[in-house]
Amino acid sequence: MKRPTTKRKSRPWTKEDVTALKTMAREKTKTTVIARKLKRTHSATRQKAASLGVKLGGAPKSRRA
């Protein structure tokens, strides 16, 4: 039998969360580390940064052979 799907509620971003995100992005902290510290998903962190116009670093650069 199929399990009923439940919609997850997202936690609202607080001013402290946004400040921490901007600070860590300025320090060029990896996105996965920022997400872990804020207790949010990687995707949620990237989406919020994009909506704020904050550039996130830490993405592995592709190597050319």
PDB file of N, CA and C in Angstrom:
ATOM      1  N   MET A   1       0.837  -1.172   0.000  1.00  0.00           N
ATOM      2  CA  MET A   1       0.000   0.000   0.000  1.00  0.00           C
ATOM      3  C   MET A   1       0.891   1.248   0.000  1.00  0.00           C
ATOM      4  N   LYS A   2       0.482   2.228  -0.748  1.00  0.00           N
ATOM      5  CA  LYS A   2       1.255   3.453  -0.863  1.00  0.00           C
ATOM      6  C   LYS A   2       1.072   4.318   0.381  1.00  0.00           C
ATOM      7  N   ARG A   3       2.209   4.835   0.871  1.00  0.00           N
ATOM      8  CA  ARG A   3       2.149   5.703   2.059  1.00  0.00           C
ATOM      9  C   ARG A   3       1.602   7.071   1.677  1.00  0.00           C
ATOM     10  N   PRO A   4       0.800   7.650   2.530  1.00  0.00           N
ATOM     11  CA  PRO A   4       0.285   8.990   2.223  1.00  0.00           C
ATOM     12  C   PRO A   4       1.431  10.004   2.260  1.00  0.00           C
ATOM     13  N   THR A   5       1.402  10.900   1.306  1.00  0.00           N
ATOM     14  CA  THR A   5       2.464  11.901   1.248  1.00  0.00           C
ATOM     15  C   THR A   5       2.131  13.060   2.175  1.00  0.00           C
ATOM     16  N   THR A   6       3.153  13.540   2.836  1.00  0.00           N
ATOM     17  CA  THR A   6       2.960  14.690   3.708  1.00  0.00           C
ATOM     18  C   THR A   6       3.789  15.834   3.173  1.00  0.00           C
ATOM     19  N   LYS A   7       3.216  16.993   3.179  1.00  0.00           N
ATOM     20  CA  LYS A   7       3.921  18.163   2.685  1.00  0.00           C
ATOM     21  C   LYS A   7       4.790  18.712   3.814  1.00  0.00           C
ATOM     22  N   ARG A   8       6.069  18.899   3.521  1.00  0.00           N
ATOM     23  CA  ARG A   8       6.973  19.437   4.519  1.00  0.00           C
ATOM     24  C   ARG A   8       6.822  20.944   4.579  1.00  0.00           C
ATOM     25  N   LYS A   9       6.824  21.438   5.793  1.00  0.00           N
ATOM     26  CA  LYS A   9       6.775  22.884   5.961  1.00  0.00           C
ATOM     27  C   LYS A   9       8.192  23.400   6.044  1.00  0.00           C
ATOM     28  N   SER A  10       8.454  24.442   5.308  1.00  0.00           N
ATOM     29  CA  SER A  10       9.784  25.022   5.380  1.00  0.00           C
ATOM     30  C   SER A  10       9.834  26.004   6.541  1.00  0.00           C
ATOM     31  N   ARG A  11      10.993  26.040   7.149  1.00  0.00           N
ATOM     32  CA  ARG A  11      11.198  26.962   8.256  1.00  0.00           C
ATOM     33  C   ARG A  11      11.472  28.345   7.686  1.00  0.00           C
ATOM     34  N   PRO A  12      10.852  29.375   8.194  1.00  0.00           N
ATOM     35  CA  PRO A  12      11.123  30.716   7.665  1.00  0.00           C
ATOM     36  C   PRO A  12      12.550  31.148   7.987  1.00  0.00           C
ATOM     37  N   TRP A  13      13.123  31.939   7.094  1.00  0.00           N
ATOM     38  CA  TRP A  13      14.476  32.451   7.289  1.00  0.00           C
ATOM     39  C   TRP A  13      14.425  33.629   8.246  1.00  0.00           C
ATOM     40  N   THR A  14      15.190  33.547   9.313  1.00  0.00           N
ATOM     41  CA  THR A  14      15.250  34.648  10.278  1.00  0.00           C
ATOM     42  C   THR A  14      16.334  35.631   9.852  1.00  0.00           C
ATOM     43  N   LYS A  15      16.339  36.802  10.470  1.00  0.00           N
ATOM     44  CA  LYS A  15      17.375  37.793  10.182  1.00  0.00           C
ATOM     45  C   LYS A  15      18.749  37.247  10.530  1.00  0.00           C
ATOM     46  N   GLU A  16      18.811  36.462  11.615  1.00  0.00           N
ATOM     47  CA  GLU A  16      20.079  35.870  12.038  1.00  0.00           C
ATOM     48  C   GLU A  16      20.586  34.859  11.001  1.00  0.00           C
ATOM     49  N   ASP A  17      19.653  34.082  10.425  1.00  0.00           N
ATOM     50  CA  ASP A  17      20.026  33.117   9.392  1.00  0.00           C
ATOM     51  C   ASP A  17      20.600  33.824   8.163  1.00  0.00           C
ATOM     52  N   VAL A  18      19.933  34.887   7.749  1.00  0.00           N
ATOM     53  CA  VAL A  18      20.371  35.632   6.571  1.00  0.00           C
ATOM     54  C   VAL A  18      21.734  36.282   6.826  1.00  0.00           C
ATOM     55  N   THR A  19      21.911  36.844   8.011  1.00  0.00           N
ATOM     56  CA  THR A  19      23.192  37.465   8.360  1.00  0.00           C
ATOM     57  C   THR A  19      24.309  36.431   8.362  1.00  0.00           C
ATOM     58  N   ALA A  20      24.040  35.266   8.945  1.00  0.00           N
ATOM     59  CA  ALA A  20      25.034  34.197   8.985  1.00  0.00           C
ATOM     60  C   ALA A  20      25.364  33.714   7.573  1.00  0.00           C
ATOM     61  N   LEU A  21      24.351  33.588   6.726  1.00  0.00           N
ATOM     62  CA  LEU A  21      24.559  33.166   5.342  1.00  0.00           C
ATOM     63  C   LEU A  21      25.470  34.149   4.610  1.00  0.00           C
ATOM     64  N   LYS A  22      25.174  35.440   4.744  1.00  0.00           N
ATOM     65  CA  LYS A  22      25.982  36.461   4.074  1.00  0.00           C
ATOM     66  C   LYS A  22      27.409  36.484   4.601  1.00  0.00           C
ATOM     67  N   THR A  23      27.562  36.337   5.918  1.00  0.00           N
ATOM     68  CA  THR A  23      28.896  36.356   6.523  1.00  0.00           C
ATOM     69  C   THR A  23      29.732  35.180   6.042  1.00  0.00           C
ATOM     70  N   MET A  24      29.142  33.983   6.071  1.00  0.00           N
ATOM     71  CA  MET A  24      29.883  32.801   5.649  1.00  0.00           C
ATOM     72  C   MET A  24      30.186  32.830   4.154  1.00  0.00           C
ATOM     73  N   ALA A  25      29.275  33.398   3.355  1.00  0.00           N
ATOM     74  CA  ALA A  25      29.515  33.510   1.914  1.00  0.00           C
ATOM     75  C   ALA A  25      30.678  34.477   1.654  1.00  0.00           C
ATOM     76  N   ARG A  26      30.734  35.546   2.426  1.00  0.00           N
ATOM     77  CA  ARG A  26      31.826  36.515   2.298  1.00  0.00           C
ATOM     78  C   ARG A  26      33.167  35.871   2.624  1.00  0.00           C
ATOM     79  N   GLU A  27      33.144  34.938   3.573  1.00  0.00           N
ATOM     80  CA  GLU A  27      34.363  34.233   3.980  1.00  0.00           C
ATOM     81  C   GLU A  27      34.694  33.069   3.053  1.00  0.00           C
ATOM     82  N   LYS A  28      33.893  32.920   1.989  1.00  0.00           N
ATOM     83  CA  LYS A  28      34.062  31.855   0.987  1.00  0.00           C
ATOM     84  C   LYS A  28      33.967  30.448   1.590  1.00  0.00           C
ATOM     85  N   THR A  29      33.040  30.286   2.518  1.00  0.00           N
ATOM     86  CA  THR A  29      32.768  28.980   3.118  1.00  0.00           C
ATOM     87  C   THR A  29      32.008  28.130   2.103  1.00  0.00           C
ATOM     88  N   LYS A  30      32.290  26.834   2.069  1.00  0.00           N
ATOM     89  CA  LYS A  30      31.602  25.944   1.139  1.00  0.00           C
ATOM     90  C   LYS A  30      30.112  25.918   1.437  1.00  0.00           C
ATOM     91  N   THR A  31      29.338  25.760   0.376  1.00  0.00           N
ATOM     92  CA  THR A  31      27.879  25.766   0.499  1.00  0.00           C
ATOM     93  C   THR A  31      27.376  24.653   1.407  1.00  0.00           C
ATOM     94  N   THR A  32      27.988  23.494   1.319  1.00  0.00           N
ATOM     95  CA  THR A  32      27.542  22.378   2.157  1.00  0.00           C
ATOM     96  C   THR A  32      27.781  22.671   3.637  1.00  0.00           C
ATOM     97  N   VAL A  33      28.872  23.347   3.940  1.00  0.00           N
ATOM     98  CA  VAL A  33      29.173  23.699   5.329  1.00  0.00           C
ATOM     99  C   VAL A  33      28.180  24.739   5.834  1.00  0.00           C
ATOM    100  N   ILE A  34      27.883  25.728   4.995  1.00  0.00           N
ATOM    101  CA  ILE A  34      26.904  26.765   5.368  1.00  0.00           C
ATOM    102  C   ILE A  34      25.556  26.102   5.654  1.00  0.00           C
ATOM    103  N   ALA A  35      25.133  25.210   4.772  1.00  0.00           N
ATOM    104  CA  ALA A  35      23.844  24.531   4.934  1.00  0.00           C
ATOM    105  C   ALA A  35      23.804  23.741   6.237  1.00  0.00           C
ATOM    106  N   ARG A  36      24.892  23.040   6.545  1.00  0.00           N
ATOM    107  CA  ARG A  36      24.944  22.251   7.775  1.00  0.00           C
ATOM    108  C   ARG A  36      24.853  23.137   9.004  1.00  0.00           C
ATOM    109  N   LYS A  37      25.577  24.264   8.998  1.00  0.00           N
ATOM    110  CA  LYS A  37      25.564  25.159  10.155  1.00  0.00           C
ATOM    111  C   LYS A  37      24.204  25.814  10.358  1.00  0.00           C
ATOM    112  N   LEU A  38      23.508  26.088   9.245  1.00  0.00           N
ATOM    113  CA  LEU A  38      22.182  26.711   9.338  1.00  0.00           C
ATOM    114  C   LEU A  38      21.065  25.676   9.509  1.00  0.00           C
ATOM    115  N   LYS A  39      21.436  24.388   9.473  1.00  0.00           N
ATOM    116  CA  LYS A  39      20.472  23.280   9.568  1.00  0.00           C
ATOM    117  C   LYS A  39      19.412  23.386   8.475  1.00  0.00           C
ATOM    118  N   ARG A  40      19.915  23.584   7.261  1.00  0.00           N
ATOM    119  CA  ARG A  40      19.057  23.667   6.080  1.00  0.00           C
ATOM    120  C   ARG A  40      19.636  22.791   4.986  1.00  0.00           C
ATOM    121  N   THR A  41      18.842  22.542   3.964  1.00  0.00           N
ATOM    122  CA  THR A  41      19.336  21.731   2.867  1.00  0.00           C
ATOM    123  C   THR A  41      20.252  22.563   1.977  1.00  0.00           C
ATOM    124  N   HIS A  42      21.055  21.859   1.210  1.00  0.00           N
ATOM    125  CA  HIS A  42      21.965  22.503   0.269  1.00  0.00           C
ATOM    126  C   HIS A  42      21.165  23.344  -0.722  1.00  0.00           C
ATOM    127  N   SER A  43      20.066  22.785  -1.223  1.00  0.00           N
ATOM    128  CA  SER A  43      19.235  23.483  -2.207  1.00  0.00           C
ATOM    129  C   SER A  43      18.600  24.741  -1.625  1.00  0.00           C
ATOM    130  N   ALA A  44      18.091  24.632  -0.408  1.00  0.00           N
ATOM    131  CA  ALA A  44      17.449  25.791   0.230  1.00  0.00           C
ATOM    132  C   ALA A  44      18.457  26.911   0.435  1.00  0.00           C
ATOM    133  N   THR A  45      19.671  26.542   0.796  1.00  0.00           N
ATOM    134  CA  THR A  45      20.721  27.530   1.021  1.00  0.00           C
ATOM    135  C   THR A  45      21.083  28.231  -0.282  1.00  0.00           C
ATOM    136  N   ARG A  46      21.240  27.464  -1.350  1.00  0.00           N
ATOM    137  CA  ARG A  46      21.580  28.054  -2.650  1.00  0.00           C
ATOM    138  C   ARG A  46      20.452  28.948  -3.164  1.00  0.00           C
ATOM    139  N   GLN A  47      19.203  28.517  -2.987  1.00  0.00           N
ATOM    140  CA  GLN A  47      18.066  29.305  -3.457  1.00  0.00           C
ATOM    141  C   GLN A  47      17.961  30.623  -2.710  1.00  0.00           C
ATOM    142  N   LYS A  48      18.166  30.584  -1.393  1.00  0.00           N
ATOM    143  CA  LYS A  48      18.087  31.808  -0.602  1.00  0.00           C
ATOM    144  C   LYS A  48      19.212  32.762  -0.993  1.00  0.00           C
ATOM    145  N   ALA A  49      20.398  32.230  -1.178  1.00  0.00           N
ATOM    146  CA  ALA A  49      21.529  33.062  -1.583  1.00  0.00           C
ATOM    147  C   ALA A  49      21.253  33.721  -2.933  1.00  0.00           C
ATOM    148  N   ALA A  50      20.692  32.962  -3.847  1.00  0.00           N
ATOM    149  CA  ALA A  50      20.379  33.504  -5.169  1.00  0.00           C
ATOM    150  C   ALA A  50      19.325  34.603  -5.074  1.00  0.00           C
ATOM    151  N   SER A  51      18.321  34.405  -4.223  1.00  0.00           N
ATOM    152  CA  SER A  51      17.264  35.416  -4.087  1.00  0.00           C
ATOM    153  C   SER A  51      17.784  36.693  -3.424  1.00  0.00           C
ATOM    154  N   LEU A  52      18.851  36.545  -2.617  1.00  0.00           N
ATOM    155  CA  LEU A  52      19.460  37.713  -1.973  1.00  0.00           C
ATOM    156  C   LEU A  52      20.551  38.342  -2.837  1.00  0.00           C
ATOM    157  N   GLY A  53      20.916  37.669  -3.914  1.00  0.00           N
ATOM    158  CA  GLY A  53      21.986  38.156  -4.772  1.00  0.00           C
ATOM    159  C   GLY A  53      23.369  37.902  -4.197  1.00  0.00           C
ATOM    160  N   VAL A  54      23.469  36.882  -3.336  1.00  0.00           N
ATOM    161  CA  VAL A  54      24.736  36.538  -2.701  1.00  0.00           C
ATOM    162  C   VAL A  54      25.385  35.421  -3.512  1.00  0.00           C
ATOM    163  N   LYS A  55      26.662  35.598  -3.840  1.00  0.00           N
ATOM    164  CA  LYS A  55      27.374  34.561  -4.581  1.00  0.00           C
ATOM    165  C   LYS A  55      28.006  33.599  -3.593  1.00  0.00           C
ATOM    166  N   LEU A  56      27.788  32.323  -3.842  1.00  0.00           N
ATOM    167  CA  LEU A  56      28.353  31.291  -2.986  1.00  0.00           C
ATOM    168  C   LEU A  56      29.538  30.651  -3.674  1.00  0.00           C
ATOM    169  N   GLY A  57      30.573  30.413  -2.924  1.00  0.00           N
ATOM    170  CA  GLY A  57      31.751  29.743  -3.469  1.00  0.00           C
ATOM    171  C   GLY A  57      31.767  28.308  -3.027  1.00  0.00           C
ATOM    172  N   GLY A  58      32.912  27.698  -3.170  1.00  0.00           N
ATOM    173  CA  GLY A  58      33.079  26.347  -2.682  1.00  0.00           C
ATOM    174  C   GLY A  58      32.649  25.258  -3.629  1.00  0.00           C
ATOM    175  N   ALA A  59      32.164  25.616  -4.808  1.00  0.00           N
ATOM    176  CA  ALA A  59      31.793  24.585  -5.768  1.00  0.00           C
ATOM    177  C   ALA A  59      33.055  24.047  -6.417  1.00  0.00           C
ATOM    178  N   PRO A  60      33.176  22.732  -6.526  1.00  0.00           N
ATOM    179  CA  PRO A  60      34.385  22.186  -7.138  1.00  0.00           C
ATOM    180  C   PRO A  60      34.476  22.600  -8.603  1.00  0.00           C
ATOM    181  N   LYS A  61      35.642  23.046  -8.989  1.00  0.00           N
ATOM    182  CA  LYS A  61      35.854  23.468 -10.377  1.00  0.00           C
ATOM    183  C   LYS A  61      36.189  22.250 -11.215  1.00  0.00           C
ATOM    184  N   SER A  62      35.669  22.230 -12.426  1.00  0.00           N
ATOM    185  CA  SER A  62      35.939  21.096 -13.292  1.00  0.00           C
ATOM    186  C   SER A  62      37.361  21.180 -13.830  1.00  0.00           C
ATOM    187  N   ARG A  63      37.979  20.018 -13.914  1.00  0.00           N
ATOM    188  CA  ARG A  63      39.359  19.963 -14.420  1.00  0.00           C
ATOM    189  C   ARG A  63      39.338  19.516 -15.874  1.00  0.00           C
ATOM    190  N   ARG A  64      40.151  20.156 -16.634  1.00  0.00           N
ATOM    191  CA  ARG A  64      40.272  19.745 -18.039  1.00  0.00           C
ATOM    192  C   ARG A  64      41.542  18.956 -18.206  1.00  0.00           C
ATOM    193  N   ALA A  65      41.428  17.904 -18.978  1.00  0.00           N
ATOM    194  CA  ALA A  65      42.600  17.046 -19.194  1.00  0.00           C
ATOM    195  C   ALA A  65      43.448  17.550 -20.344  1.00  0.00           C
TER     196      ALA A  65
END
